[in-house]
């Protein structure tokens, strides 16, 4: 089993170093979301084996997916549903592109490839792109349009800082669902990014967060939020599919 990741940048899923739009594990500088994916895969498969540690991970950037956008197919576009807002096309096209890349990667590595598409649901960059459910449905429709069963949306609501804050706020892991109602705008009053920094006494850089996740001080098993629970359920479903359960 090989895991193909796509994110928005260094502070979430990670980046390629030296700068590149796609890379294998040796050139991938993993971010907090990549470590969360890795630990969730371990949880889903039921035994300890870090795909990051053994090098069975690849990464493709947002720009890479834009360059590998799949041709519009009217029949597959219908999967989005007539009532889905056009603004969610971005998520649909990202999922289709990632599915196509994952299918090609599967041929290269001669193994099953699970593809995880990370996008913040409600940040300033995605303003006007629809609501969480519309974005999630569009990702799933994009995977389905390519007949790809191993695609997983990773769509924090409103953004990844909410998931992390759940574990480090003054009353950790308690009433975390309400964090999903916070604004995803970094310029709003008391933004999630500032709340996370304050909770960690400004030790909230990418390396700091990675260490907290690796040391299990951020315990993925205790995070109870609708968007996080959906991600874990979807990931475990595809892991089970790969493992023939």
Protein backbone atom coordinates (compact mmCIF):
# COMPACT_ATOMS: atom_id res chain seq x y z
CA UNK A 1 0.00 0.00 0.00
CA UNK A 2 1.30 3.42 -1.05
CA UNK A 3 -0.11 6.78 0.10
CA UNK A 4 -0.28 9.75 -2.27
CA UNK A 5 -0.86 13.12 -0.60
CA UNK A 6 -1.90 16.53 -1.86
CA UNK A 7 -2.12 19.67 0.25
CA UNK A 8 -1.97 23.43 0.16
CA UNK A 9 1.46 24.13 1.64
CA UNK A 10 4.20 23.53 4.17
CA UNK A 11 2.09 24.26 7.24
CA UNK A 12 -0.52 21.60 6.46
CA UNK A 13 0.42 18.55 4.37
CA UNK A 14 3.98 19.61 3.58
CA UNK A 15 6.15 20.51 0.57
CA UNK A 16 8.79 19.08 -1.70
CA UNK A 17 12.40 20.06 -1.07
CA UNK A 18 14.18 21.16 -3.14
CA UNK A 19 11.24 23.07 -4.55
CA UNK A 20 9.20 20.86 -6.84
CA UNK A 21 5.55 20.25 -7.63
CA UNK A 22 5.74 16.50 -7.03
CA UNK A 23 8.12 14.26 -5.12
CA UNK A 24 8.70 10.95 -3.39
CA UNK A 25 9.30 10.57 0.35
CA UNK A 26 13.04 11.31 0.17
CA UNK A 27 12.31 14.88 -1.01
CA UNK A 28 9.08 15.40 0.91
CA UNK A 29 9.13 17.60 4.03
CA UNK A 30 6.04 16.38 5.84
CA UNK A 31 3.71 18.75 7.67
CA UNK A 32 1.25 18.10 10.52
CA UNK A 33 -1.53 16.79 8.29
CA UNK A 34 0.81 14.25 6.68
CA UNK A 35 1.70 12.86 10.10
CA UNK A 36 -1.99 12.73 11.01
CA UNK A 37 -2.70 10.79 7.81
CA UNK A 38 0.16 8.42 8.60
CA UNK A 39 -1.06 7.74 12.13
CA UNK A 40 -4.64 7.31 10.95
CA UNK A 41 -3.51 4.74 8.37
CA UNK A 42 -1.74 2.85 11.16
CA UNK A 43 -4.90 2.99 13.25
CA UNK A 44 -7.06 1.80 10.35
CA UNK A 45 -4.77 -1.07 9.36
CA UNK A 46 -4.57 -2.25 12.96
CA UNK A 47 -0.82 -2.48 13.37
CA UNK A 48 2.17 -0.15 13.61
CA UNK A 49 3.87 0.60 10.32
CA UNK A 50 4.54 4.19 9.36
CA UNK A 51 4.31 4.70 5.62
CA UNK A 52 6.31 7.89 6.06
CA UNK A 53 9.12 6.00 7.79
CA UNK A 54 9.32 3.23 5.18
CA UNK A 55 9.08 5.68 2.27
CA UNK A 56 5.75 4.54 0.81
CA UNK A 57 4.49 8.10 0.41
CA UNK A 58 4.43 10.63 -2.41
CA UNK A 59 3.24 14.21 -2.68
CA UNK A 60 1.75 16.38 -5.42
CA UNK A 61 1.05 20.08 -5.04
CA UNK A 62 -2.03 22.13 -5.81
CA UNK A 63 -0.30 23.57 -8.87
CA UNK A 64 0.67 20.09 -10.06
CA UNK A 65 -2.99 19.04 -10.00
CA UNK A 66 -3.96 22.19 -11.89
CA UNK A 67 -1.47 21.27 -14.62
CA UNK A 68 -2.85 17.72 -14.75
CA UNK A 69 -6.50 18.72 -14.87
CA UNK A 70 -8.57 16.06 -16.61
CA UNK A 71 -10.58 16.87 -19.76
CA UNK A 72 -14.18 17.75 -19.09
CA UNK A 73 -16.45 14.78 -19.63
CA UNK A 74 -20.15 15.79 -19.71
CA UNK A 75 -21.32 12.41 -18.42
CA UNK A 76 -18.96 12.44 -15.45
CA UNK A 77 -19.66 16.08 -14.69
CA UNK A 78 -23.26 15.05 -14.07
CA UNK A 79 -22.01 13.23 -10.97
CA UNK A 80 -21.73 16.60 -9.25
CA UNK A 81 -25.51 16.81 -9.25
CA UNK A 82 -27.72 19.49 -10.68
CA UNK A 83 -28.07 21.30 -7.38
CA UNK A 84 -24.35 21.55 -6.61
CA UNK A 85 -22.99 25.11 -6.87
CA UNK A 86 -20.52 25.77 -9.65
CA UNK A 87 -18.04 27.15 -7.09
CA UNK A 88 -17.26 23.61 -5.94
CA UNK A 89 -15.86 22.72 -9.38
CA UNK A 90 -12.38 23.46 -7.95
CA UNK A 91 -12.68 20.57 -5.48
CA UNK A 92 -14.18 18.26 -8.08
CA UNK A 93 -11.38 18.94 -10.57
CA UNK A 94 -8.70 18.56 -7.90
CA UNK A 95 -10.11 15.16 -6.96
CA UNK A 96 -10.30 14.01 -10.59
CA UNK A 97 -6.70 15.08 -11.22
CA UNK A 98 -5.43 13.40 -8.05
CA UNK A 99 -7.33 10.21 -8.92
CA UNK A 100 -5.69 10.11 -12.35
CA UNK A 101 -2.23 10.68 -10.87
CA UNK A 102 -2.86 7.97 -8.26
CA UNK A 103 -3.92 5.48 -10.91
CA UNK A 104 -0.73 6.12 -12.85
CA UNK A 105 1.32 5.86 -9.65
CA UNK A 106 -0.31 2.50 -8.93
CA UNK A 107 1.07 1.18 -12.21
CA UNK A 108 4.53 2.56 -11.39
CA UNK A 109 4.76 1.05 -7.90
CA UNK A 110 2.73 -2.07 -8.73
CA UNK A 111 0.63 -1.62 -5.61
CA UNK A 112 -2.60 -0.09 -4.36
CA UNK A 113 -2.38 3.70 -4.00
CA UNK A 114 -4.56 5.56 -1.51
CA UNK A 115 -4.91 9.24 -2.42
CA UNK A 116 -5.64 11.84 0.28
CA UNK A 117 -6.76 15.27 -0.90
CA UNK A 118 -6.32 17.95 1.78
CA UNK A 119 -8.00 21.32 1.38
CA UNK A 120 -9.15 23.75 4.07
CA UNK A 121 -12.91 24.13 3.85
CA UNK A 122 -13.20 27.79 4.77
CA UNK A 123 -10.02 29.84 4.57
CA UNK A 124 -9.54 33.18 2.89
CA UNK A 125 -8.19 31.49 -0.24
CA UNK A 126 -11.36 29.45 -0.65
CA UNK A 127 -13.87 32.20 0.09
CA UNK A 128 -16.96 31.82 -2.05
CA UNK A 129 -16.30 28.19 -2.97
CA UNK A 130 -19.41 26.83 -1.28
CA UNK A 131 -20.23 25.10 1.98
CA UNK A 132 -18.46 22.12 3.59
CA UNK A 133 -20.90 19.45 2.43
CA UNK A 134 -20.86 20.75 -1.14
CA UNK A 135 -17.06 20.67 -1.18
CA UNK A 136 -16.92 17.20 0.32
CA UNK A 137 -19.51 15.87 -2.13
CA UNK A 138 -17.61 17.43 -5.02
CA UNK A 139 -14.39 15.71 -3.98
CA UNK A 140 -16.15 12.37 -3.75
CA UNK A 141 -17.78 12.96 -7.14
CA UNK A 142 -14.40 13.79 -8.64
CA UNK A 143 -12.91 10.53 -7.41
CA UNK A 144 -15.96 8.63 -8.68
CA UNK A 145 -15.72 10.30 -12.09
CA UNK A 146 -12.35 8.59 -12.56
CA UNK A 147 -13.69 5.28 -11.21
CA UNK A 148 -11.21 5.60 -8.35
CA UNK A 149 -12.29 3.90 -5.13
CA UNK A 150 -9.28 4.79 -2.99
CA UNK A 151 -9.68 8.58 -2.80
CA UNK A 152 -10.13 10.28 0.58
CA UNK A 153 -11.21 13.90 1.15
CA UNK A 154 -9.36 15.52 4.05
CA UNK A 155 -11.47 18.61 4.57
CA UNK A 156 -11.14 20.26 7.99
CA UNK A 157 -13.99 22.57 8.96
CA UNK A 158 -13.27 25.37 8.86
CA UNK A 159 -9.49 24.68 8.63
CA UNK A 160 -6.78 22.44 10.01
CA UNK A 161 -6.05 24.68 13.00
CA UNK A 162 -9.45 23.68 14.40
CA UNK A 163 -8.47 20.00 14.48
CA UNK A 164 -5.16 20.78 16.19
CA UNK A 165 -6.69 23.27 18.62
CA UNK A 166 -9.08 20.58 19.82
CA UNK A 167 -6.12 18.75 21.36
CA UNK A 168 -4.25 21.68 22.90
CA UNK A 169 -6.90 24.14 24.10
CA UNK A 170 -7.36 24.68 27.85
CA UNK A 171 -9.96 21.90 28.05
CA UNK A 172 -8.47 19.53 25.46
CA UNK A 173 -10.74 17.22 23.46
CA UNK A 174 -13.85 18.67 25.12
CA UNK A 175 -16.71 20.16 23.08
CA UNK A 176 -14.53 20.35 19.97
CA UNK A 177 -17.43 20.23 17.52
CA UNK A 178 -18.14 23.88 18.28
CA UNK A 179 -14.75 24.81 16.80
CA UNK A 180 -16.22 23.99 13.39
CA UNK A 181 -18.47 27.03 13.74
CA UNK A 182 -15.48 29.39 14.03
CA UNK A 183 -14.52 31.60 11.11
CA UNK A 184 -11.80 30.29 8.84
CA UNK A 185 -10.71 33.82 7.99
CA UNK A 186 -7.28 34.63 9.42
CA UNK A 187 -8.28 38.30 9.51
CA UNK A 188 -11.36 37.76 11.65
CA UNK A 189 -11.52 38.60 15.34
CA UNK A 190 -9.62 35.96 17.35
CA UNK A 191 -8.81 33.72 14.36
CA UNK A 192 -8.13 30.02 14.85
CA UNK A 193 -4.47 30.50 13.96
CA UNK A 194 -4.05 32.94 16.86
CA UNK A 195 -6.01 30.68 19.22
CA UNK A 196 -3.69 27.81 18.38
CA UNK A 197 -0.60 29.96 18.86
CA UNK A 198 -1.87 31.23 22.20
CA UNK A 199 -2.72 27.74 23.42
CA UNK A 200 0.82 26.62 22.60
CA UNK A 201 2.46 29.79 23.92
CA UNK A 202 3.63 30.71 20.40
CA UNK A 203 5.26 27.29 19.90
CA UNK A 204 2.94 26.52 17.00
CA UNK A 205 5.30 26.36 14.04
CA UNK A 206 5.24 23.41 11.66
CA UNK A 207 8.11 21.65 13.43
CA UNK A 208 6.47 22.20 16.83
CA UNK A 209 3.17 20.72 15.65
CA UNK A 210 4.93 17.79 14.00
CA UNK A 211 6.65 16.99 17.30
CA UNK A 212 3.37 17.15 19.23
CA UNK A 213 1.76 14.71 16.81
CA UNK A 214 4.74 12.35 16.72
CA UNK A 215 4.93 12.37 20.54
CA UNK A 216 1.16 11.67 20.66
CA UNK A 217 0.63 14.83 22.71
CA UNK A 218 -1.89 15.53 19.97
CA UNK A 219 -3.83 12.27 20.15
CA UNK A 220 -5.78 11.61 16.95
CA UNK A 221 -7.85 8.96 18.70
CA UNK A 222 -9.35 11.57 21.01
CA UNK A 223 -10.24 14.25 18.46
CA UNK A 224 -14.03 14.15 18.11
CA UNK A 225 -15.27 16.57 15.45
CA UNK A 226 -17.66 15.91 12.55
CA UNK A 227 -15.19 16.79 9.78
CA UNK A 228 -12.36 14.85 11.43
CA UNK A 229 -14.58 11.84 12.10
CA UNK A 230 -15.66 11.83 8.46
CA UNK A 231 -12.04 11.85 7.31
CA UNK A 232 -11.12 8.96 9.62
CA UNK A 233 -14.15 6.93 8.55
CA UNK A 234 -13.40 7.45 4.86
CA UNK A 235 -9.73 6.60 5.30
CA UNK A 236 -10.49 3.43 7.25
CA UNK A 237 -12.97 2.40 4.58
CA UNK A 238 -10.39 2.57 1.79
CA UNK A 239 -7.69 0.95 3.93
CA UNK A 240 -10.10 -1.92 4.61
CA UNK A 241 -10.80 -2.15 0.88
CA UNK A 242 -7.09 -2.42 0.12
CA UNK A 243 -6.60 -5.02 2.83
CA UNK A 244 -9.52 -7.07 1.55
CA UNK A 245 -11.61 -6.80 4.67
